[in-house]
Amino acid sequence: MATVKQIQFRLRLAKKTLTKVNKELAATKARVKKLEAQLKKTKAAEKTVKAKTKKAPAKKKKVAKKKAPAKKKRVAKKK
């Protein structure tokens, strides 16, 4: 069985650990909020850039002209 002093010591250690974790948690939450705000701004900036630089309209493909059918050569008549 643990003594009273040992239990008190462990309790103090647990409380210290808890306060440390809570501080880290608060700092992490703040970092997450900051990064989410940056992400939101960046996405909005990308949308405006994309809107400004619209794609050039697609060029129409030139249709190849059909070749006229070859003319028949006249055959010289025999006399």
PDB file of N, CA and C in Angstrom:
ATOM      1  N   MET A   1       0.841  -1.171   0.000  1.00  0.00           N
ATOM      2  CA  MET A   1       0.000   0.000   0.000  1.00  0.00           C
ATOM      3  C   MET A   1       0.889   1.238   0.000  1.00  0.00           C
ATOM      4  N   ALA A   2       0.472   2.246  -0.794  1.00  0.00           N
ATOM      5  CA  ALA A   2       1.245   3.483  -0.909  1.00  0.00           C
ATOM      6  C   ALA A   2       0.974   4.388   0.282  1.00  0.00           C
ATOM      7  N   THR A   3       2.002   5.160   0.631  1.00  0.00           N
ATOM      8  CA  THR A   3       1.843   6.088   1.749  1.00  0.00           C
ATOM      9  C   THR A   3       1.133   7.347   1.280  1.00  0.00           C
ATOM     10  N   VAL A   4       0.716   8.179   2.191  1.00  0.00           N
ATOM     11  CA  VAL A   4       0.002   9.417   1.883  1.00  0.00           C
ATOM     12  C   VAL A   4       0.900  10.341   1.085  1.00  0.00           C
ATOM     13  N   LYS A   5       2.180  10.429   1.491  1.00  0.00           N
ATOM     14  CA  LYS A   5       3.109  11.326   0.795  1.00  0.00           C
ATOM     15  C   LYS A   5       3.332  10.876  -0.646  1.00  0.00           C
ATOM     16  N   GLN A   6       3.419   9.559  -0.863  1.00  0.00           N
ATOM     17  CA  GLN A   6       3.599   9.048  -2.231  1.00  0.00           C
ATOM     18  C   GLN A   6       2.393   9.398  -3.100  1.00  0.00           C
ATOM     19  N   ILE A   7       1.221   9.251  -2.546  1.00  0.00           N
ATOM     20  CA  ILE A   7      -0.005   9.560  -3.295  1.00  0.00           C
ATOM     21  C   ILE A   7      -0.058  11.052  -3.602  1.00  0.00           C
ATOM     22  N   GLN A   8       0.297  11.883  -2.630  1.00  0.00           N
ATOM     23  CA  GLN A   8       0.294  13.329  -2.841  1.00  0.00           C
ATOM     24  C   GLN A   8       1.304  13.704  -3.936  1.00  0.00           C
ATOM     25  N   PHE A   9       2.464  13.061  -3.915  1.00  0.00           N
ATOM     26  CA  PHE A   9       3.499  13.320  -4.929  1.00  0.00           C
ATOM     27  C   PHE A   9       2.985  12.961  -6.326  1.00  0.00           C
ATOM     28  N   ARG A  10       2.386  11.783  -6.439  1.00  0.00           N
ATOM     29  CA  ARG A  10       1.844  11.346  -7.739  1.00  0.00           C
ATOM     30  C   ARG A  10       0.720  12.271  -8.203  1.00  0.00           C
ATOM     31  N   LEU A  11      -0.080  12.730  -7.269  1.00  0.00           N
ATOM     32  CA  LEU A  11      -1.174  13.640  -7.597  1.00  0.00           C
ATOM     33  C   LEU A  11      -0.634  14.958  -8.134  1.00  0.00           C
ATOM     34  N   ARG A  12       0.421  15.487  -7.481  1.00  0.00           N
ATOM     35  CA  ARG A  12       1.044  16.725  -7.984  1.00  0.00           C
ATOM     36  C   ARG A  12       1.611  16.524  -9.385  1.00  0.00           C
ATOM     37  N   LEU A  13       2.273  15.384  -9.608  1.00  0.00           N
ATOM     38  CA  LEU A  13       2.822  15.093 -10.945  1.00  0.00           C
ATOM     39  C   LEU A  13       1.703  15.027 -11.987  1.00  0.00           C
ATOM     40  N   ALA A  14       0.603  14.381 -11.633  1.00  0.00           N
ATOM     41  CA  ALA A  14      -0.526  14.260 -12.560  1.00  0.00           C
ATOM     42  C   ALA A  14      -1.108  15.631 -12.878  1.00  0.00           C
ATOM     43  N   LYS A  15      -1.209  16.494 -11.868  1.00  0.00           N
ATOM     44  CA  LYS A  15      -1.741  17.838 -12.083  1.00  0.00           C
ATOM     45  C   LYS A  15      -0.814  18.654 -12.976  1.00  0.00           C
ATOM     46  N   LYS A  16       0.502  18.514 -12.750  1.00  0.00           N
ATOM     47  CA  LYS A  16       1.473  19.224 -13.594  1.00  0.00           C
ATOM     48  C   LYS A  16       1.342  18.773 -15.047  1.00  0.00           C
ATOM     49  N   THR A  17       1.243  17.457 -15.216  1.00  0.00           N
ATOM     50  CA  THR A  17       1.101  16.910 -16.568  1.00  0.00           C
ATOM     51  C   THR A  17      -0.172  17.426 -17.226  1.00  0.00           C
ATOM     52  N   LEU A  18      -1.250  17.468 -16.451  1.00  0.00           N
ATOM     53  CA  LEU A  18      -2.527  17.935 -16.980  1.00  0.00           C
ATOM     54  C   LEU A  18      -2.449  19.401 -17.409  1.00  0.00           C
ATOM     55  N   THR A  19      -1.827  20.249 -16.587  1.00  0.00           N
ATOM     56  CA  THR A  19      -1.726  21.668 -16.951  1.00  0.00           C
ATOM     57  C   THR A  19      -0.857  21.842 -18.190  1.00  0.00           C
ATOM     58  N   LYS A  20       0.203  21.047 -18.273  1.00  0.00           N
ATOM     59  CA  LYS A  20       1.093  21.115 -19.444  1.00  0.00           C
ATOM     60  C   LYS A  20       0.322  20.719 -20.720  1.00  0.00           C
ATOM     61  N   VAL A  21      -0.442  19.638 -20.620  1.00  0.00           N
ATOM     62  CA  VAL A  21      -1.220  19.167 -21.770  1.00  0.00           C
ATOM     63  C   VAL A  21      -2.259  20.207 -22.166  1.00  0.00           C
ATOM     64  N   ASN A  22      -2.912  20.823 -21.195  1.00  0.00           N
ATOM     65  CA  ASN A  22      -3.925  21.836 -21.482  1.00  0.00           C
ATOM     66  C   ASN A  22      -3.317  23.035 -22.202  1.00  0.00           C
ATOM     67  N   LYS A  23      -2.112  23.447 -21.774  1.00  0.00           N
ATOM     68  CA  LYS A  23      -1.434  24.567 -22.434  1.00  0.00           C
ATOM     69  C   LYS A  23      -1.103  24.204 -23.874  1.00  0.00           C
ATOM     70  N   GLU A  24      -0.579  22.994 -24.066  1.00  0.00           N
ATOM     71  CA  GLU A  24      -0.241  22.545 -25.417  1.00  0.00           C
ATOM     72  C   GLU A  24      -1.493  22.448 -26.285  1.00  0.00           C
ATOM     73  N   LEU A  25      -2.568  21.995 -25.688  1.00  0.00           N
ATOM     74  CA  LEU A  25      -3.825  21.868 -26.426  1.00  0.00           C
ATOM     75  C   LEU A  25      -4.316  23.238 -26.881  1.00  0.00           C
ATOM     76  N   ALA A  26      -4.258  24.218 -25.990  1.00  0.00           N
ATOM     77  CA  ALA A  26      -4.690  25.573 -26.345  1.00  0.00           C
ATOM     78  C   ALA A  26      -3.813  26.136 -27.456  1.00  0.00           C
ATOM     79  N   ALA A  27      -2.498  25.908 -27.357  1.00  0.00           N
ATOM     80  CA  ALA A  27      -1.580  26.398 -28.383  1.00  0.00           C
ATOM     81  C   ALA A  27      -1.850  25.718 -29.722  1.00  0.00           C
ATOM     82  N   THR A  28      -2.117  24.427 -29.679  1.00  0.00           N
ATOM     83  CA  THR A  28      -2.389  23.684 -30.906  1.00  0.00           C
ATOM     84  C   THR A  28      -3.683  24.157 -31.552  1.00  0.00           C
ATOM     85  N   LYS A  29      -4.720  24.398 -30.741  1.00  0.00           N
ATOM     86  CA  LYS A  29      -5.980  24.898 -31.285  1.00  0.00           C
ATOM     87  C   LYS A  29      -5.785  26.248 -31.960  1.00  0.00           C
ATOM     88  N   ALA A  30      -4.979  27.101 -31.334  1.00  0.00           N
ATOM     89  CA  ALA A  30      -4.712  28.415 -31.920  1.00  0.00           C
ATOM     90  C   ALA A  30      -3.978  28.269 -33.243  1.00  0.00           C
ATOM     91  N   ARG A  31      -3.018  27.360 -33.289  1.00  0.00           N
ATOM     92  CA  ARG A  31      -2.278  27.127 -34.538  1.00  0.00           C
ATOM     93  C   ARG A  31      -3.191  26.627 -35.641  1.00  0.00           C
ATOM     94  N   VAL A  32      -4.091  25.720 -35.282  1.00  0.00           N
ATOM     95  CA  VAL A  32      -5.027  25.168 -36.267  1.00  0.00           C
ATOM     96  C   VAL A  32      -5.913  26.269 -36.824  1.00  0.00           C
ATOM     97  N   LYS A  33      -6.424  27.133 -35.960  1.00  0.00           N
ATOM     98  CA  LYS A  33      -7.280  28.240 -36.419  1.00  0.00           C
ATOM     99  C   LYS A  33      -6.512  29.158 -37.358  1.00  0.00           C
ATOM    100  N   LYS A  34      -5.269  29.452 -37.002  1.00  0.00           N
ATOM    101  CA  LYS A  34      -4.434  30.336 -37.814  1.00  0.00           C
ATOM    102  C   LYS A  34      -4.196  29.724 -39.197  1.00  0.00           C
ATOM    103  N   LEU A  35      -3.869  28.428 -39.215  1.00  0.00           N
ATOM    104  CA  LEU A  35      -3.613  27.760 -40.489  1.00  0.00           C
ATOM    105  C   LEU A  35      -4.881  27.660 -41.336  1.00  0.00           C
ATOM    106  N   GLU A  36      -6.032  27.423 -40.700  1.00  0.00           N
ATOM    107  CA  GLU A  36      -7.288  27.368 -41.450  1.00  0.00           C
ATOM    108  C   GLU A  36      -7.612  28.723 -42.072  1.00  0.00           C
ATOM    109  N   ALA A  37      -7.313  29.792 -41.355  1.00  0.00           N
ATOM    110  CA  ALA A  37      -7.547  31.135 -41.893  1.00  0.00           C
ATOM    111  C   ALA A  37      -6.644  31.384 -43.099  1.00  0.00           C
ATOM    112  N   GLN A  38      -5.383  30.961 -43.000  1.00  0.00           N
ATOM    113  CA  GLN A  38      -4.458  31.118 -44.129  1.00  0.00           C
ATOM    114  C   GLN A  38      -4.950  30.324 -45.330  1.00  0.00           C
ATOM    115  N   LEU A  39      -5.416  29.106 -45.081  1.00  0.00           N
ATOM    116  CA  LEU A  39      -5.908  28.261 -46.162  1.00  0.00           C
ATOM    117  C   LEU A  39      -7.096  28.908 -46.852  1.00  0.00           C
ATOM    118  N   LYS A  40      -7.998  29.459 -46.085  1.00  0.00           N
ATOM    119  CA  LYS A  40      -9.184  30.118 -46.631  1.00  0.00           C
ATOM    120  C   LYS A  40      -8.780  31.295 -47.519  1.00  0.00           C
ATOM    121  N   LYS A  41      -7.829  32.121 -47.041  1.00  0.00           N
ATOM    122  CA  LYS A  41      -7.357  33.268 -47.822  1.00  0.00           C
ATOM    123  C   LYS A  41      -6.688  32.820 -49.112  1.00  0.00           C
ATOM    124  N   THR A  42      -5.886  31.771 -49.014  1.00  0.00           N
ATOM    125  CA  THR A  42      -5.173  31.278 -50.188  1.00  0.00           C
ATOM    126  C   THR A  42      -6.134  30.739 -51.236  1.00  0.00           C
ATOM    127  N   LYS A  43      -7.147  30.001 -50.794  1.00  0.00           N
ATOM    128  CA  LYS A  43      -8.140  29.473 -51.739  1.00  0.00           C
ATOM    129  C   LYS A  43      -8.873  30.607 -52.441  1.00  0.00           C
ATOM    130  N   ALA A  44      -9.222  31.642 -51.692  1.00  0.00           N
ATOM    131  CA  ALA A  44      -9.920  32.787 -52.277  1.00  0.00           C
ATOM    132  C   ALA A  44      -9.010  33.486 -53.285  1.00  0.00           C
ATOM    133  N   ALA A  45      -7.735  33.612 -52.967  1.00  0.00           N
ATOM    134  CA  ALA A  45      -6.791  34.261 -53.877  1.00  0.00           C
ATOM    135  C   ALA A  45      -6.642  33.450 -55.160  1.00  0.00           C
ATOM    136  N   GLU A  46      -6.591  32.123 -55.042  1.00  0.00           N
ATOM    137  CA  GLU A  46      -6.470  31.276 -56.231  1.00  0.00           C
ATOM    138  C   GLU A  46      -7.695  31.419 -57.118  1.00  0.00           C
ATOM    139  N   LYS A  47      -8.865  31.510 -56.517  1.00  0.00           N
ATOM    140  CA  LYS A  47     -10.083  31.658 -57.317  1.00  0.00           C
ATOM    141  C   LYS A  47     -10.058  32.955 -58.112  1.00  0.00           C
ATOM    142  N   THR A  48      -9.608  34.038 -57.483  1.00  0.00           N
ATOM    143  CA  THR A  48      -9.579  35.317 -58.190  1.00  0.00           C
ATOM    144  C   THR A  48      -8.554  35.289 -59.307  1.00  0.00           C
ATOM    145  N   VAL A  49      -7.427  34.622 -59.087  1.00  0.00           N
ATOM    146  CA  VAL A  49      -6.397  34.521 -60.133  1.00  0.00           C
ATOM    147  C   VAL A  49      -6.940  33.716 -61.307  1.00  0.00           C
ATOM    148  N   LYS A  50      -7.631  32.619 -60.994  1.00  0.00           N
ATOM    149  CA  LYS A  50      -8.195  31.787 -62.061  1.00  0.00           C
ATOM    150  C   LYS A  50      -9.247  32.564 -62.841  1.00  0.00           C
ATOM    151  N   ALA A  51     -10.032  33.371 -62.143  1.00  0.00           N
ATOM    152  CA  ALA A  51     -11.077  34.144 -62.811  1.00  0.00           C
ATOM    153  C   ALA A  51     -10.461  35.199 -63.726  1.00  0.00           C
ATOM    154  N   LYS A  52      -9.347  35.774 -63.296  1.00  0.00           N
ATOM    155  CA  LYS A  52      -8.701  36.810 -64.107  1.00  0.00           C
ATOM    156  C   LYS A  52      -8.049  36.224 -65.351  1.00  0.00           C
ATOM    157  N   THR A  53      -7.438  35.073 -65.212  1.00  0.00           N
ATOM    158  CA  THR A  53      -6.752  34.459 -66.346  1.00  0.00           C
ATOM    159  C   THR A  53      -7.643  33.387 -66.946  1.00  0.00           C
ATOM    160  N   LYS A  54      -8.623  33.849 -67.694  1.00  0.00           N
ATOM    161  CA  LYS A  54      -9.518  32.901 -68.353  1.00  0.00           C
ATOM    162  C   LYS A  54      -8.778  32.254 -69.514  1.00  0.00           C
ATOM    163  N   LYS A  55      -9.196  31.079 -69.846  1.00  0.00           N
ATOM    164  CA  LYS A  55      -8.583  30.377 -70.967  1.00  0.00           C
ATOM    165  C   LYS A  55      -8.973  31.090 -72.259  1.00  0.00           C
ATOM    166  N   ALA A  56      -8.020  31.108 -73.193  1.00  0.00           N
ATOM    167  CA  ALA A  56      -8.312  31.682 -74.492  1.00  0.00           C
ATOM    168  C   ALA A  56      -9.337  30.779 -75.178  1.00  0.00           C
ATOM    169  N   PRO A  57     -10.226  31.376 -75.958  1.00  0.00           N
ATOM    170  CA  PRO A  57     -11.215  30.520 -76.613  1.00  0.00           C
ATOM    171  C   PRO A  57     -10.530  29.534 -77.549  1.00  0.00           C
ATOM    172  N   ALA A  58     -11.055  28.357 -77.598  1.00  0.00           N
ATOM    173  CA  ALA A  58     -10.450  27.309 -78.407  1.00  0.00           C
ATOM    174  C   ALA A  58     -10.517  27.700 -79.884  1.00  0.00           C
ATOM    175  N   LYS A  59      -9.420  27.507 -80.567  1.00  0.00           N
ATOM    176  CA  LYS A  59      -9.389  27.829 -81.987  1.00  0.00           C
ATOM    177  C   LYS A  59     -10.105  26.734 -82.746  1.00  0.00           C
ATOM    178  N   LYS A  60     -10.808  27.170 -83.797  1.00  0.00           N
ATOM    179  CA  LYS A  60     -11.510  26.186 -84.608  1.00  0.00           C
ATOM    180  C   LYS A  60     -10.504  25.473 -85.485  1.00  0.00           C
ATOM    181  N   LYS A  61     -10.697  24.195 -85.623  1.00  0.00           N
ATOM    182  CA  LYS A  61      -9.803  23.425 -86.470  1.00  0.00           C
ATOM    183  C   LYS A  61     -10.153  23.704 -87.922  1.00  0.00           C
ATOM    184  N   LYS A  62      -9.125  23.871 -88.730  1.00  0.00           N
ATOM    185  CA  LYS A  62      -9.369  24.108 -90.145  1.00  0.00           C
ATOM    186  C   LYS A  62      -9.767  22.789 -90.794  1.00  0.00           C
ATOM    187  N   VAL A  63     -10.797  22.901 -91.618  1.00  0.00           N
ATOM    188  CA  VAL A  63     -11.276  21.712 -92.309  1.00  0.00           C
ATOM    189  C   VAL A  63     -10.516  21.602 -93.619  1.00  0.00           C
ATOM    190  N   ALA A  64      -9.950  20.450 -93.872  1.00  0.00           N
ATOM    191  CA  ALA A  64      -9.192  20.253 -95.104  1.00  0.00           C
ATOM    192  C   ALA A  64     -10.159  20.286 -96.287  1.00  0.00           C
ATOM    193  N   LYS A  65      -9.762  21.013 -97.314  1.00  0.00           N
ATOM    194  CA  LYS A  65     -10.627  21.097 -98.495  1.00  0.00           C
ATOM    195  C   LYS A  65     -10.555  19.777 -99.244  1.00  0.00           C
ATOM    196  N   LYS A  66     -11.694  19.413 -99.785  1.00  0.00           N
ATOM    197  CA  LYS A  66     -11.724  18.181-100.558  1.00  0.00           C
ATOM    198  C   LYS A  66     -11.094  18.440-101.919  1.00  0.00           C
ATOM    199  N   LYS A  67     -10.322  17.491-102.338  1.00  0.00           N
ATOM    200  CA  LYS A  67      -9.691  17.634-103.656  1.00  0.00           C
ATOM    201  C   LYS A  67     -10.745  17.371-104.723  1.00  0.00           C
ATOM    202  N   ALA A  68     -10.648  18.160-105.794  1.00  0.00           N
ATOM    203  CA  ALA A  68     -11.574  17.961-106.903  1.00  0.00           C
ATOM    204  C   ALA A  68     -11.226  16.628-107.555  1.00  0.00           C
ATOM    205  N   PRO A  69     -12.232  15.927-108.022  1.00  0.00           N
ATOM    206  CA  PRO A  69     -11.938  14.635-108.655  1.00  0.00           C
ATOM    207  C   PRO A  69     -11.058  14.855-109.883  1.00  0.00           C
ATOM    208  N   ALA A  70     -10.147  13.938-110.097  1.00  0.00           N
ATOM    209  CA  ALA A  70      -9.214  14.070-111.221  1.00  0.00           C
ATOM    210  C   ALA A  70     -10.001  14.052-112.530  1.00  0.00           C
ATOM    211  N   LYS A  71      -9.629  14.979-113.424  1.00  0.00           N
ATOM    212  CA  LYS A  71     -10.304  15.041-114.718  1.00  0.00           C
ATOM    213  C   LYS A  71      -9.777  13.945-115.603  1.00  0.00           C
ATOM    214  N   LYS A  72     -10.704  13.410-116.380  1.00  0.00           N
ATOM    215  CA  LYS A  72     -10.281  12.349-117.315  1.00  0.00           C
ATOM    216  C   LYS A  72      -9.557  12.985-118.488  1.00  0.00           C
ATOM    217  N   LYS A  73      -8.476  12.356-118.854  1.00  0.00           N
ATOM    218  CA  LYS A  73      -7.729  12.863-120.011  1.00  0.00           C
ATOM    219  C   LYS A  73      -8.471  12.420-121.262  1.00  0.00           C
ATOM    220  N   ARG A  74      -8.457  13.332-122.227  1.00  0.00           N
ATOM    221  CA  ARG A  74      -9.109  12.979-123.478  1.00  0.00           C
ATOM    222  C   ARG A  74      -8.207  12.056-124.280  1.00  0.00           C
ATOM    223  N   VAL A  75      -8.819  11.099-124.757  1.00  0.00           N
ATOM    224  CA  VAL A  75      -8.072  10.133-125.575  1.00  0.00           C
ATOM    225  C   VAL A  75      -8.160  10.618-127.013  1.00  0.00           C
ATOM    226  N   ALA A  76      -7.017  10.669-127.679  1.00  0.00           N
ATOM    227  CA  ALA A  76      -6.999  11.124-129.079  1.00  0.00           C
ATOM    228  C   ALA A  76      -7.683  10.072-129.948  1.00  0.00           C
ATOM    229  N   LYS A  77      -8.515  10.566-130.856  1.00  0.00           N
ATOM    230  CA  LYS A  77      -9.238   9.644-131.740  1.00  0.00           C
ATOM    231  C   LYS A  77      -8.312   9.167-132.858  1.00  0.00           C
ATOM    232  N   LYS A  78      -8.511   7.952-133.229  1.00  0.00           N
ATOM    233  CA  LYS A  78      -7.726   7.405-134.339  1.00  0.00           C
ATOM    234  C   LYS A  78      -8.408   7.770-135.642  1.00  0.00           C
ATOM    235  N   LYS A  79      -7.608   8.061-136.646  1.00  0.00           N
ATOM    236  CA  LYS A  79      -8.170   8.413-137.955  1.00  0.00           C
ATOM    237  C   LYS A  79      -8.043   7.298-138.922  1.00  0.00           C
TER     238      LYS A  79
END
